[in-house]
Amino acid sequence: MSVLKACSKLAENNCASFINGKCLGDISCPVFNQVICEGLRCPYFETAVLPADKNLQESYSVEVLKATARHSSKKCKGCGNTFKTDNYRIQYCGDRCRNHGKKKANRIADSKYRQNEKSALIKA
């Protein structure tokens, strides 16, 4: 049996928030529906229900680490919003923020260049 299937059975049998296939009766349970790999996690399940089975808890942690490594959350350097990416080198959430960041970097570089030119003229 896979780790996610075992976790969904544990949630179905032991989770106090699990009612009729949904978490607290309103939203769908990420553990039961096995969408942990998409970045959705249940803190209640991880702290209250999962510690009952140590082996499963260890396997679950490995599974979650694999899933979060593929889709890590980052903070955009431009707007400050959080976005998900699988590329660790990406710094901006989209083209608009990236272009704004390039313009800002170019302005700073041009300013430093002009400052160096002024100081070279004054020394000469």
PDB file of N, CA and C in Angstrom:
ATOM      1  N   MET A   1       0.853  -1.179   0.000  1.00  0.00           N
ATOM      2  CA  MET A   1       0.000   0.000   0.000  1.00  0.00           C
ATOM      3  C   MET A   1       0.901   1.246   0.000  1.00  0.00           C
ATOM      4  N   SER A   2       0.549   2.232  -0.811  1.00  0.00           N
ATOM      5  CA  SER A   2       1.362   3.446  -0.881  1.00  0.00           C
ATOM      6  C   SER A   2       1.190   4.287   0.388  1.00  0.00           C
ATOM      7  N   VAL A   3       2.124   5.183   0.583  1.00  0.00           N
ATOM      8  CA  VAL A   3       2.119   6.040   1.772  1.00  0.00           C
ATOM      9  C   VAL A   3       0.867   6.911   1.795  1.00  0.00           C
ATOM     10  N   LEU A   4       0.521   7.482   0.647  1.00  0.00           N
ATOM     11  CA  LEU A   4      -0.640   8.377   0.597  1.00  0.00           C
ATOM     12  C   LEU A   4      -1.944   7.628   0.856  1.00  0.00           C
ATOM     13  N   LYS A   5      -2.034   6.397   0.346  1.00  0.00           N
ATOM     14  CA  LYS A   5      -3.243   5.601   0.604  1.00  0.00           C
ATOM     15  C   LYS A   5      -3.346   5.242   2.081  1.00  0.00           C
ATOM     16  N   ALA A   6      -2.216   4.887   2.687  1.00  0.00           N
ATOM     17  CA  ALA A   6      -2.213   4.555   4.114  1.00  0.00           C
ATOM     18  C   ALA A   6      -2.589   5.780   4.945  1.00  0.00           C
ATOM     19  N   CYS A   7      -2.102   6.957   4.540  1.00  0.00           N
ATOM     20  CA  CYS A   7      -2.449   8.196   5.252  1.00  0.00           C
ATOM     21  C   CYS A   7      -3.930   8.513   5.105  1.00  0.00           C
ATOM     22  N   SER A   8      -4.481   8.278   3.928  1.00  0.00           N
ATOM     23  CA  SER A   8      -5.909   8.566   3.748  1.00  0.00           C
ATOM     24  C   SER A   8      -6.768   7.627   4.592  1.00  0.00           C
ATOM     25  N   LYS A   9      -6.354   6.367   4.724  1.00  0.00           N
ATOM     26  CA  LYS A   9      -7.091   5.437   5.599  1.00  0.00           C
ATOM     27  C   LYS A   9      -6.987   5.865   7.055  1.00  0.00           C
ATOM     28  N   LEU A  10      -5.785   6.304   7.466  1.00  0.00           N
ATOM     29  CA  LEU A  10      -5.593   6.772   8.839  1.00  0.00           C
ATOM     30  C   LEU A  10      -6.449   8.004   9.111  1.00  0.00           C
ATOM     31  N   ALA A  11      -6.502   8.923   8.148  1.00  0.00           N
ATOM     32  CA  ALA A  11      -7.331  10.124   8.304  1.00  0.00           C
ATOM     33  C   ALA A  11      -8.811   9.756   8.388  1.00  0.00           C
ATOM     34  N   GLU A  12      -9.228   8.837   7.540  1.00  0.00           N
ATOM     35  CA  GLU A  12     -10.635   8.426   7.520  1.00  0.00           C
ATOM     36  C   GLU A  12     -11.047   7.789   8.853  1.00  0.00           C
ATOM     37  N   ASN A  13     -10.162   7.003   9.444  1.00  0.00           N
ATOM     38  CA  ASN A  13     -10.496   6.285  10.674  1.00  0.00           C
ATOM     39  C   ASN A  13     -10.259   7.080  11.953  1.00  0.00           C
ATOM     40  N   ASN A  14      -9.261   7.969  11.980  1.00  0.00           N
ATOM     41  CA  ASN A  14      -8.844   8.580  13.241  1.00  0.00           C
ATOM     42  C   ASN A  14      -8.926  10.097  13.315  1.00  0.00           C
ATOM     43  N   CYS A  15      -9.143  10.779  12.230  1.00  0.00           N
ATOM     44  CA  CYS A  15      -9.105  12.248  12.247  1.00  0.00           C
ATOM     45  C   CYS A  15     -10.447  12.818  12.735  1.00  0.00           C
ATOM     46  N   ALA A  16     -10.378  13.670  13.732  1.00  0.00           N
ATOM     47  CA  ALA A  16     -11.596  14.273  14.294  1.00  0.00           C
ATOM     48  C   ALA A  16     -12.217  15.297  13.346  1.00  0.00           C
ATOM     49  N   SER A  17     -11.419  15.864  12.448  1.00  0.00           N
ATOM     50  CA  SER A  17     -11.919  16.873  11.514  1.00  0.00           C
ATOM     51  C   SER A  17     -12.550  16.261  10.272  1.00  0.00           C
ATOM     52  N   PHE A  18     -12.387  14.971  10.088  1.00  0.00           N
ATOM     53  CA  PHE A  18     -12.866  14.289   8.883  1.00  0.00           C
ATOM     54  C   PHE A  18     -14.322  13.881   9.045  1.00  0.00           C
ATOM     55  N   ILE A  19     -15.211  14.516   8.255  1.00  0.00           N
ATOM     56  CA  ILE A  19     -16.642  14.232   8.322  1.00  0.00           C
ATOM     57  C   ILE A  19     -17.168  14.025   6.902  1.00  0.00           C
ATOM     58  N   ASN A  20     -17.692  12.853   6.626  1.00  0.00           N
ATOM     59  CA  ASN A  20     -18.293  12.535   5.326  1.00  0.00           C
ATOM     60  C   ASN A  20     -17.373  12.829   4.138  1.00  0.00           C
ATOM     61  N   GLY A  21     -16.119  12.463   4.242  1.00  0.00           N
ATOM     62  CA  GLY A  21     -15.188  12.644   3.134  1.00  0.00           C
ATOM     63  C   GLY A  21     -14.643  14.041   2.989  1.00  0.00           C
ATOM     64  N   LYS A  22     -14.976  14.917   3.934  1.00  0.00           N
ATOM     65  CA  LYS A  22     -14.498  16.297   3.855  1.00  0.00           C
ATOM     66  C   LYS A  22     -13.917  16.725   5.183  1.00  0.00           C
ATOM     67  N   CYS A  23     -13.026  17.681   5.125  1.00  0.00           N
ATOM     68  CA  CYS A  23     -12.405  18.210   6.330  1.00  0.00           C
ATOM     69  C   CYS A  23     -13.357  19.212   6.978  1.00  0.00           C
ATOM     70  N   LEU A  24     -13.811  18.925   8.167  1.00  0.00           N
ATOM     71  CA  LEU A  24     -14.793  19.736   8.897  1.00  0.00           C
ATOM     72  C   LEU A  24     -16.096  19.907   8.120  1.00  0.00           C
ATOM     73  N   GLY A  25     -16.360  18.991   7.187  1.00  0.00           N
ATOM     74  CA  GLY A  25     -17.616  19.004   6.462  1.00  0.00           C
ATOM     75  C   GLY A  25     -17.718  20.041   5.350  1.00  0.00           C
ATOM     76  N   ASP A  26     -16.720  20.934   5.212  1.00  0.00           N
ATOM     77  CA  ASP A  26     -16.810  22.013   4.220  1.00  0.00           C
ATOM     78  C   ASP A  26     -15.884  21.805   3.031  1.00  0.00           C
ATOM     79  N   ILE A  27     -14.622  21.610   3.308  1.00  0.00           N
ATOM     80  CA  ILE A  27     -13.641  21.531   2.227  1.00  0.00           C
ATOM     81  C   ILE A  27     -13.143  20.103   2.078  1.00  0.00           C
ATOM     82  N   SER A  28     -12.610  19.804   0.911  1.00  0.00           N
ATOM     83  CA  SER A  28     -12.135  18.452   0.707  1.00  0.00           C
ATOM     84  C   SER A  28     -10.807  18.257   1.430  1.00  0.00           C
ATOM     85  N   CYS A  29     -10.636  17.114   2.044  1.00  0.00           N
ATOM     86  CA  CYS A  29      -9.459  16.804   2.854  1.00  0.00           C
ATOM     87  C   CYS A  29      -8.263  16.515   1.952  1.00  0.00           C
ATOM     88  N   PRO A  30      -7.155  17.267   2.089  1.00  0.00           N
ATOM     89  CA  PRO A  30      -5.995  17.029   1.228  1.00  0.00           C
ATOM     90  C   PRO A  30      -5.340  15.676   1.473  1.00  0.00           C
ATOM     91  N   VAL A  31      -5.420  15.165   2.690  1.00  0.00           N
ATOM     92  CA  VAL A  31      -4.818  13.863   2.996  1.00  0.00           C
ATOM     93  C   VAL A  31      -5.661  12.751   2.399  1.00  0.00           C
ATOM     94  N   PHE A  32      -6.973  12.811   2.592  1.00  0.00           N
ATOM     95  CA  PHE A  32      -7.865  11.769   2.086  1.00  0.00           C
ATOM     96  C   PHE A  32      -7.868  11.741   0.557  1.00  0.00           C
ATOM     97  N   ASN A  33      -7.825  12.904  -0.073  1.00  0.00           N
ATOM     98  CA  ASN A  33      -7.852  12.973  -1.535  1.00  0.00           C
ATOM     99  C   ASN A  33      -6.474  12.838  -2.162  1.00  0.00           C
ATOM    100  N   GLN A  34      -5.445  12.661  -1.327  1.00  0.00           N
ATOM    101  CA  GLN A  34      -4.074  12.412  -1.766  1.00  0.00           C
ATOM    102  C   GLN A  34      -3.543  13.514  -2.684  1.00  0.00           C
ATOM    103  N   VAL A  35      -3.757  14.773  -2.296  1.00  0.00           N
ATOM    104  CA  VAL A  35      -3.244  15.907  -3.067  1.00  0.00           C
ATOM    105  C   VAL A  35      -2.080  16.585  -2.340  1.00  0.00           C
ATOM    106  N   ILE A  36      -1.430  15.842  -1.454  1.00  0.00           N
ATOM    107  CA  ILE A  36      -0.279  16.369  -0.731  1.00  0.00           C
ATOM    108  C   ILE A  36       0.833  16.719  -1.707  1.00  0.00           C
ATOM    109  N   CYS A  37       0.936  15.937  -2.780  1.00  0.00           N
ATOM    110  CA  CYS A  37       1.997  16.179  -3.759  1.00  0.00           C
ATOM    111  C   CYS A  37       1.786  17.497  -4.505  1.00  0.00           C
ATOM    112  N   GLU A  38       0.614  18.092  -4.433  1.00  0.00           N
ATOM    113  CA  GLU A  38       0.358  19.377  -5.071  1.00  0.00           C
ATOM    114  C   GLU A  38       0.610  20.540  -4.117  1.00  0.00           C
ATOM    115  N   GLY A  39       1.150  20.253  -2.958  1.00  0.00           N
ATOM    116  CA  GLY A  39       1.496  21.308  -2.019  1.00  0.00           C
ATOM    117  C   GLY A  39       0.470  21.563  -0.932  1.00  0.00           C
ATOM    118  N   LEU A  40      -0.668  20.870  -0.972  1.00  0.00           N
ATOM    119  CA  LEU A  40      -1.692  21.051   0.057  1.00  0.00           C
ATOM    120  C   LEU A  40      -1.413  20.096   1.206  1.00  0.00           C
ATOM    121  N   ARG A  41      -1.357  20.622   2.423  1.00  0.00           N
ATOM    122  CA  ARG A  41      -1.075  19.806   3.592  1.00  0.00           C
ATOM    123  C   ARG A  41      -2.063  20.137   4.694  1.00  0.00           C
ATOM    124  N   CYS A  42      -2.215  19.210   5.630  1.00  0.00           N
ATOM    125  CA  CYS A  42      -3.127  19.397   6.750  1.00  0.00           C
ATOM    126  C   CYS A  42      -2.323  19.412   8.051  1.00  0.00           C
ATOM    127  N   PRO A  43      -2.189  20.582   8.681  1.00  0.00           N
ATOM    128  CA  PRO A  43      -1.407  20.651   9.912  1.00  0.00           C
ATOM    129  C   PRO A  43      -2.005  19.832  11.057  1.00  0.00           C
ATOM    130  N   TYR A  44      -3.328  19.753  11.117  1.00  0.00           N
ATOM    131  CA  TYR A  44      -3.963  18.966  12.179  1.00  0.00           C
ATOM    132  C   TYR A  44      -3.617  17.492  12.030  1.00  0.00           C
ATOM    133  N   PHE A  45      -3.712  16.983  10.819  1.00  0.00           N
ATOM    134  CA  PHE A  45      -3.384  15.580  10.568  1.00  0.00           C
ATOM    135  C   PHE A  45      -1.931  15.301  10.937  1.00  0.00           C
ATOM    136  N   GLU A  46      -1.021  16.209  10.548  1.00  0.00           N
ATOM    137  CA  GLU A  46       0.406  15.998  10.781  1.00  0.00           C
ATOM    138  C   GLU A  46       0.777  16.046  12.264  1.00  0.00           C
ATOM    139  N   THR A  47       0.053  16.833  13.065  1.00  0.00           N
ATOM    140  CA  THR A  47       0.418  16.958  14.484  1.00  0.00           C
ATOM    141  C   THR A  47      -0.399  16.061  15.406  1.00  0.00           C
ATOM    142  N   ALA A  48      -1.645  15.782  15.079  1.00  0.00           N
ATOM    143  CA  ALA A  48      -2.507  15.050  15.997  1.00  0.00           C
ATOM    144  C   ALA A  48      -2.757  13.595  15.600  1.00  0.00           C
ATOM    145  N   VAL A  49      -2.866  13.312  14.322  1.00  0.00           N
ATOM    146  CA  VAL A  49      -3.261  11.971  13.892  1.00  0.00           C
ATOM    147  C   VAL A  49      -2.049  11.126  13.479  1.00  0.00           C
ATOM    148  N   LEU A  50      -1.165  11.687  12.708  1.00  0.00           N
ATOM    149  CA  LEU A  50      -0.039  10.945  12.148  1.00  0.00           C
ATOM    150  C   LEU A  50       0.940  10.397  13.187  1.00  0.00           C
ATOM    151  N   PRO A  51       1.222  11.083  14.290  1.00  0.00           N
ATOM    152  CA  PRO A  51       2.176  10.533  15.272  1.00  0.00           C
ATOM    153  C   PRO A  51       1.767   9.187  15.875  1.00  0.00           C
ATOM    154  N   ALA A  52       0.532   8.765  15.685  1.00  0.00           N
ATOM    155  CA  ALA A  52       0.089   7.470  16.206  1.00  0.00           C
ATOM    156  C   ALA A  52       0.806   6.312  15.509  1.00  0.00           C
ATOM    157  N   ASP A  53       1.250   6.520  14.281  1.00  0.00           N
ATOM    158  CA  ASP A  53       1.957   5.489  13.517  1.00  0.00           C
ATOM    159  C   ASP A  53       3.328   6.025  13.121  1.00  0.00           C
ATOM    160  N   LYS A  54       4.361   5.664  13.862  1.00  0.00           N
ATOM    161  CA  LYS A  54       5.712   6.215  13.664  1.00  0.00           C
ATOM    162  C   LYS A  54       6.292   5.873  12.289  1.00  0.00           C
ATOM    163  N   ASN A  55       6.116   4.638  11.830  1.00  0.00           N
ATOM    164  CA  ASN A  55       6.653   4.243  10.522  1.00  0.00           C
ATOM    165  C   ASN A  55       5.996   5.036   9.399  1.00  0.00           C
ATOM    166  N   LEU A  56       4.694   5.164   9.485  1.00  0.00           N
ATOM    167  CA  LEU A  56       3.964   5.927   8.479  1.00  0.00           C
ATOM    168  C   LEU A  56       4.354   7.397   8.537  1.00  0.00           C
ATOM    169  N   GLN A  57       4.573   7.913   9.724  1.00  0.00           N
ATOM    170  CA  GLN A  57       4.978   9.317   9.878  1.00  0.00           C
ATOM    171  C   GLN A  57       6.310   9.574   9.179  1.00  0.00           C
ATOM    172  N   GLU A  58       7.239   8.645   9.320  1.00  0.00           N
ATOM    173  CA  GLU A  58       8.545   8.792   8.674  1.00  0.00           C
ATOM    174  C   GLU A  58       8.409   8.741   7.150  1.00  0.00           C
ATOM    175  N   SER A  59       7.641   7.800   6.659  1.00  0.00           N
ATOM    176  CA  SER A  59       7.420   7.672   5.214  1.00  0.00           C
ATOM    177  C   SER A  59       6.698   8.902   4.658  1.00  0.00           C
ATOM    178  N   TYR A  60       5.726   9.393   5.417  1.00  0.00           N
ATOM    179  CA  TYR A  60       4.972  10.585   5.027  1.00  0.00           C
ATOM    180  C   TYR A  60       5.907  11.795   4.921  1.00  0.00           C
ATOM    181  N   SER A  61       6.813  11.930   5.883  1.00  0.00           N
ATOM    182  CA  SER A  61       7.757  13.057   5.863  1.00  0.00           C
ATOM    183  C   SER A  61       8.628  13.018   4.623  1.00  0.00           C
ATOM    184  N   VAL A  62       9.096  11.837   4.254  1.00  0.00           N
ATOM    185  CA  VAL A  62       9.910  11.685   3.047  1.00  0.00           C
ATOM    186  C   VAL A  62       9.087  12.063   1.816  1.00  0.00           C
ATOM    187  N   GLU A  63       7.840  11.596   1.773  1.00  0.00           N
ATOM    188  CA  GLU A  63       6.956  11.881   0.639  1.00  0.00           C
ATOM    189  C   GLU A  63       6.699  13.389   0.508  1.00  0.00           C
ATOM    190  N   VAL A  64       6.465  14.050   1.625  1.00  0.00           N
ATOM    191  CA  VAL A  64       6.206  15.490   1.623  1.00  0.00           C
ATOM    192  C   VAL A  64       7.457  16.249   1.188  1.00  0.00           C
ATOM    193  N   LEU A  65       8.622  15.816   1.661  1.00  0.00           N
ATOM    194  CA  LEU A  65       9.869  16.468   1.251  1.00  0.00           C
ATOM    195  C   LEU A  65      10.091  16.354  -0.250  1.00  0.00           C
ATOM    196  N   LYS A  66       9.797  15.182  -0.810  1.00  0.00           N
ATOM    197  CA  LYS A  66       9.930  15.006  -2.264  1.00  0.00           C
ATOM    198  C   LYS A  66       8.985  15.954  -2.998  1.00  0.00           C
ATOM    199  N   ALA A  67       7.751  16.047  -2.514  1.00  0.00           N
ATOM    200  CA  ALA A  67       6.742  16.886  -3.175  1.00  0.00           C
ATOM    201  C   ALA A  67       7.108  18.359  -3.077  1.00  0.00           C
ATOM    202  N   THR A  68       7.574  18.792  -1.918  1.00  0.00           N
ATOM    203  CA  THR A  68       7.895  20.207  -1.762  1.00  0.00           C
ATOM    204  C   THR A  68       9.169  20.572  -2.486  1.00  0.00           C
ATOM    205  N   ALA A  69      10.059  19.612  -2.721  1.00  0.00           N
ATOM    206  CA  ALA A  69      11.282  19.910  -3.475  1.00  0.00           C
ATOM    207  C   ALA A  69      10.946  20.220  -4.927  1.00  0.00           C
ATOM    208  N   ARG A  70       9.917  19.569  -5.449  1.00  0.00           N
ATOM    209  CA  ARG A  70       9.519  19.824  -6.835  1.00  0.00           C
ATOM    210  C   ARG A  70       8.823  21.170  -6.987  1.00  0.00           C
ATOM    211  N   HIS A  71       8.040  21.558  -6.020  1.00  0.00           N
ATOM    212  CA  HIS A  71       7.278  22.794  -6.094  1.00  0.00           C
ATOM    213  C   HIS A  71       7.532  23.627  -4.846  1.00  0.00           C
ATOM    214  N   SER A  72       8.643  24.346  -4.848  1.00  0.00           N
ATOM    215  CA  SER A  72       8.926  25.160  -3.673  1.00  0.00           C
ATOM    216  C   SER A  72       8.280  26.535  -3.816  1.00  0.00           C
ATOM    217  N   SER A  73       7.957  27.134  -2.705  1.00  0.00           N
ATOM    218  CA  SER A  73       7.384  28.476  -2.699  1.00  0.00           C
ATOM    219  C   SER A  73       8.503  29.492  -2.582  1.00  0.00           C
ATOM    220  N   LYS A  74       8.392  30.555  -3.348  1.00  0.00           N
ATOM    221  CA  LYS A  74       9.379  31.619  -3.313  1.00  0.00           C
ATOM    222  C   LYS A  74       8.667  32.953  -3.211  1.00  0.00           C
ATOM    223  N   LYS A  75       9.394  33.956  -2.745  1.00  0.00           N
ATOM    224  CA  LYS A  75       8.858  35.301  -2.668  1.00  0.00           C
ATOM    225  C   LYS A  75       9.413  36.097  -3.847  1.00  0.00           C
ATOM    226  N   CYS A  76       8.531  36.736  -4.604  1.00  0.00           N
ATOM    227  CA  CYS A  76       8.922  37.500  -5.778  1.00  0.00           C
ATOM    228  C   CYS A  76       9.734  38.729  -5.364  1.00  0.00           C
ATOM    229  N   LYS A  77      10.872  38.955  -6.041  1.00  0.00           N
ATOM    230  CA  LYS A  77      11.696  40.122  -5.744  1.00  0.00           C
ATOM    231  C   LYS A  77      11.026  41.421  -6.181  1.00  0.00           C
ATOM    232  N   GLY A  78      10.081  41.324  -7.109  1.00  0.00           N
ATOM    233  CA  GLY A  78       9.414  42.512  -7.623  1.00  0.00           C
ATOM    234  C   GLY A  78       8.231  42.961  -6.785  1.00  0.00           C
ATOM    235  N   CYS A  79       7.236  42.107  -6.684  1.00  0.00           N
ATOM    236  CA  CYS A  79       5.989  42.490  -6.006  1.00  0.00           C
ATOM    237  C   CYS A  79       5.886  41.964  -4.573  1.00  0.00           C
ATOM    238  N   GLY A  80       6.706  40.976  -4.216  1.00  0.00           N
ATOM    239  CA  GLY A  80       6.675  40.438  -2.863  1.00  0.00           C
ATOM    240  C   GLY A  80       5.666  39.322  -2.659  1.00  0.00           C
ATOM    241  N   ASN A  81       4.894  38.968  -3.693  1.00  0.00           N
ATOM    242  CA  ASN A  81       3.924  37.879  -3.576  1.00  0.00           C
ATOM    243  C   ASN A  81       4.638  36.534  -3.569  1.00  0.00           C
ATOM    244  N   THR A  82       4.001  35.528  -2.979  1.00  0.00           N
ATOM    245  CA  THR A  82       4.552  34.182  -2.958  1.00  0.00           C
ATOM    246  C   THR A  82       4.054  33.432  -4.186  1.00  0.00           C
ATOM    247  N   PHE A  83       4.968  32.682  -4.829  1.00  0.00           N
ATOM    248  CA  PHE A  83       4.590  31.886  -5.991  1.00  0.00           C
ATOM    249  C   PHE A  83       5.310  30.548  -5.916  1.00  0.00           C
ATOM    250  N   LYS A  84       4.786  29.555  -6.626  1.00  0.00           N
ATOM    251  CA  LYS A  84       5.373  28.216  -6.627  1.00  0.00           C
ATOM    252  C   LYS A  84       6.148  28.000  -7.917  1.00  0.00           C
ATOM    253  N   THR A  85       7.301  27.357  -7.777  1.00  0.00           N
ATOM    254  CA  THR A  85       8.124  27.060  -8.937  1.00  0.00           C
ATOM    255  C   THR A  85       8.930  25.796  -8.674  1.00  0.00           C
ATOM    256  N   ASP A  86       9.347  25.130  -9.740  1.00  0.00           N
ATOM    257  CA  ASP A  86      10.231  23.985  -9.591  1.00  0.00           C
ATOM    258  C   ASP A  86      11.661  24.346  -9.986  1.00  0.00           C
ATOM    259  N   ASN A  87      11.889  25.605 -10.352  1.00  0.00           N
ATOM    260  CA  ASN A  87      13.216  26.086 -10.720  1.00  0.00           C
ATOM    261  C   ASN A  87      13.752  26.974  -9.603  1.00  0.00           C
ATOM    262  N   TYR A  88      14.858  26.583  -9.004  1.00  0.00           N
ATOM    263  CA  TYR A  88      15.381  27.320  -7.855  1.00  0.00           C
ATOM    264  C   TYR A  88      16.006  28.664  -8.238  1.00  0.00           C
ATOM    265  N   ARG A  89      16.282  28.884  -9.533  1.00  0.00           N
ATOM    266  CA  ARG A  89      16.928  30.133  -9.947  1.00  0.00           C
ATOM    267  C   ARG A  89      15.943  31.263 -10.257  1.00  0.00           C
ATOM    268  N   ILE A  90      14.677  30.958 -10.400  1.00  0.00           N
ATOM    269  CA  ILE A  90      13.681  31.984 -10.719  1.00  0.00           C
ATOM    270  C   ILE A  90      13.494  32.909  -9.521  1.00  0.00           C
ATOM    271  N   GLN A  91      13.507  34.226  -9.785  1.00  0.00           N
ATOM    272  CA  GLN A  91      13.385  35.207  -8.720  1.00  0.00           C
ATOM    273  C   GLN A  91      12.095  36.010  -8.805  1.00  0.00           C
ATOM    274  N   TYR A  92      11.445  36.016  -9.960  1.00  0.00           N
ATOM    275  CA  TYR A  92      10.253  36.836 -10.173  1.00  0.00           C
ATOM    276  C   TYR A  92       9.064  35.946 -10.541  1.00  0.00           C
ATOM    277  N   CYS A  93       7.858  36.398 -10.175  1.00  0.00           N
ATOM    278  CA  CYS A  93       6.663  35.585 -10.404  1.00  0.00           C
ATOM    279  C   CYS A  93       6.195  35.603 -11.868  1.00  0.00           C
ATOM    280  N   GLY A  94       6.566  36.599 -12.634  1.00  0.00           N
ATOM    281  CA  GLY A  94       6.135  36.667 -14.027  1.00  0.00           C
ATOM    282  C   GLY A  94       6.938  37.667 -14.825  1.00  0.00           C
ATOM    283  N   ASP A  95       6.526  37.846 -16.090  1.00  0.00           N
ATOM    284  CA  ASP A  95       7.247  38.737 -16.996  1.00  0.00           C
ATOM    285  C   ASP A  95       7.209  40.188 -16.532  1.00  0.00           C
ATOM    286  N   ARG A  96       6.073  40.608 -16.035  1.00  0.00           N
ATOM    287  CA  ARG A  96       5.927  42.001 -15.617  1.00  0.00           C
ATOM    288  C   ARG A  96       6.927  42.356 -14.499  1.00  0.00           C
ATOM    289  N   CYS A  97       7.012  41.521 -13.491  1.00  0.00           N
ATOM    290  CA  CYS A  97       7.943  41.765 -12.379  1.00  0.00           C
ATOM    291  C   CYS A  97       9.394  41.632 -12.839  1.00  0.00           C
ATOM    292  N   ARG A  98       9.655  40.663 -13.714  1.00  0.00           N
ATOM    293  CA  ARG A  98      11.021  40.470 -14.217  1.00  0.00           C
ATOM    294  C   ARG A  98      11.480  41.686 -15.021  1.00  0.00           C
ATOM    295  N   ASN A  99      10.610  42.204 -15.874  1.00  0.00           N
ATOM    296  CA  ASN A  99      10.968  43.390 -16.665  1.00  0.00           C
ATOM    297  C   ASN A  99      11.180  44.598 -15.761  1.00  0.00           C
ATOM    298  N   HIS A 100      10.333  44.747 -14.760  1.00  0.00           N
ATOM    299  CA  HIS A 100      10.490  45.841 -13.804  1.00  0.00           C
ATOM    300  C   HIS A 100      11.828  45.710 -13.063  1.00  0.00           C
ATOM    301  N   GLY A 101      12.186  44.488 -12.682  1.00  0.00           N
ATOM    302  CA  GLY A 101      13.454  44.241 -11.999  1.00  0.00           C
ATOM    303  C   GLY A 101      14.649  44.550 -12.881  1.00  0.00           C
ATOM    304  N   LYS A 102      14.557  44.216 -14.179  1.00  0.00           N
ATOM    305  CA  LYS A 102      15.648  44.522 -15.117  1.00  0.00           C
ATOM    306  C   LYS A 102      15.832  46.023 -15.255  1.00  0.00           C
ATOM    307  N   LYS A 103      14.721  46.747 -15.373  1.00  0.00           N
ATOM    308  CA  LYS A 103      14.808  48.204 -15.490  1.00  0.00           C
ATOM    309  C   LYS A 103      15.443  48.815 -14.254  1.00  0.00           C
ATOM    310  N   LYS A 104      15.040  48.333 -13.095  1.00  0.00           N
ATOM    311  CA  LYS A 104      15.593  48.845 -11.834  1.00  0.00           C
ATOM    312  C   LYS A 104      17.094  48.568 -11.747  1.00  0.00           C
ATOM    313  N   ALA A 105      17.506  47.355 -12.114  1.00  0.00           N
ATOM    314  CA  ALA A 105      18.925  46.993 -12.086  1.00  0.00           C
ATOM    315  C   ALA A 105      19.718  47.839 -13.081  1.00  0.00           C
ATOM    316  N   ASN A 106      19.145  48.083 -14.252  1.00  0.00           N
ATOM    317  CA  ASN A 106      19.818  48.916 -15.248  1.00  0.00           C
ATOM    318  C   ASN A 106      19.957  50.354 -14.767  1.00  0.00           C
ATOM    319  N   ARG A 107      18.916  50.879 -14.115  1.00  0.00           N
ATOM    320  CA  ARG A 107      19.002  52.235 -13.569  1.00  0.00           C
ATOM    321  C   ARG A 107      20.126  52.352 -12.541  1.00  0.00           C
ATOM    322  N   ILE A 108      20.229  51.358 -11.675  1.00  0.00           N
ATOM    323  CA  ILE A 108      21.276  51.374 -10.636  1.00  0.00           C
ATOM    324  C   ILE A 108      22.656  51.283 -11.283  1.00  0.00           C
ATOM    325  N   ALA A 109      22.805  50.393 -12.277  1.00  0.00           N
ATOM    326  CA  ALA A 109      24.092  50.245 -12.958  1.00  0.00           C
ATOM    327  C   ALA A 109      24.467  51.527 -13.706  1.00  0.00           C
ATOM    328  N   ASP A 110      23.503  52.154 -14.389  1.00  0.00           N
ATOM    329  CA  ASP A 110      23.771  53.404 -15.105  1.00  0.00           C
ATOM    330  C   ASP A 110      24.160  54.512 -14.140  1.00  0.00           C
ATOM    331  N   SER A 111      23.501  54.556 -12.992  1.00  0.00           N
ATOM    332  CA  SER A 111      23.809  55.568 -11.989  1.00  0.00           C
ATOM    333  C   SER A 111      25.239  55.403 -11.475  1.00  0.00           C
ATOM    334  N   LYS A 112      25.640  54.177 -11.203  1.00  0.00           N
ATOM    335  CA  LYS A 112      27.010  53.915 -10.748  1.00  0.00           C
ATOM    336  C   LYS A 112      28.017  54.287 -11.836  1.00  0.00           C
ATOM    337  N   TYR A 113      27.692  53.970 -13.083  1.00  0.00           N
ATOM    338  CA  TYR A 113      28.585  54.296 -14.201  1.00  0.00           C
ATOM    339  C   TYR A 113      28.762  55.804 -14.312  1.00  0.00           C
ATOM    340  N   ARG A 114      27.645  56.562 -14.239  1.00  0.00           N
ATOM    341  CA  ARG A 114      27.727  58.021 -14.323  1.00  0.00           C
ATOM    342  C   ARG A 114      28.527  58.597 -13.155  1.00  0.00           C
ATOM    343  N   GLN A 115      28.343  58.026 -11.986  1.00  0.00           N
ATOM    344  CA  GLN A 115      29.074  58.481 -10.797  1.00  0.00           C
ATOM    345  C   GLN A 115      30.576  58.272 -10.992  1.00  0.00           C
ATOM    346  N   ASN A 116      30.958  57.109 -11.537  1.00  0.00           N
ATOM    347  CA  ASN A 116      32.377  56.824 -11.797  1.00  0.00           C
ATOM    348  C   ASN A 116      32.936  57.753 -12.867  1.00  0.00           C
ATOM    349  N   GLU A 117      32.141  58.081 -13.892  1.00  0.00           N
ATOM    350  CA  GLU A 117      32.569  59.001 -14.949  1.00  0.00           C
ATOM    351  C   GLU A 117      32.815  60.391 -14.391  1.00  0.00           C
ATOM    352  N   LYS A 118      31.924  60.861 -13.496  1.00  0.00           N
ATOM    353  CA  LYS A 118      32.088  62.174 -12.881  1.00  0.00           C
ATOM    354  C   LYS A 118      33.367  62.231 -12.044  1.00  0.00           C
ATOM    355  N   SER A 119      33.608  61.189 -11.258  1.00  0.00           N
ATOM    356  CA  SER A 119      34.794  61.187 -10.412  1.00  0.00           C
ATOM    357  C   SER A 119      36.060  61.096 -11.257  1.00  0.00           C
ATOM    358  N   ALA A 120      36.016  60.416 -12.397  1.00  0.00           N
ATOM    359  CA  ALA A 120      37.194  60.324 -13.278  1.00  0.00           C
ATOM    360  C   ALA A 120      37.466  61.677 -13.917  1.00  0.00           C
ATOM    361  N   LEU A 121      36.414  62.426 -14.286  1.00  0.00           N
ATOM    362  CA  LEU A 121      36.601  63.751 -14.886  1.00  0.00           C
ATOM    363  C   LEU A 121      37.168  64.744 -13.890  1.00  0.00           C
ATOM    364  N   ILE A 122      36.715  64.652 -12.645  1.00  0.00           N
ATOM    365  CA  ILE A 122      37.169  65.576 -11.602  1.00  0.00           C
ATOM    366  C   ILE A 122      38.642  65.320 -11.308  1.00  0.00           C
ATOM    367  N   LYS A 123      39.083  64.075 -11.288  1.00  0.00           N
ATOM    368  CA  LYS A 123      40.477  63.725 -10.998  1.00  0.00           C
ATOM    369  C   LYS A 123      41.383  64.127 -12.132  1.00  0.00           C
ATOM    370  N   ALA A 124      40.920  64.163 -13.359  1.00  0.00           N
ATOM    371  CA  ALA A 124      41.761  64.455 -14.535  1.00  0.00           C
ATOM    372  C   ALA A 124      42.007  65.903 -14.746  1.00  0.00           C
TER     373      ALA A 124
END
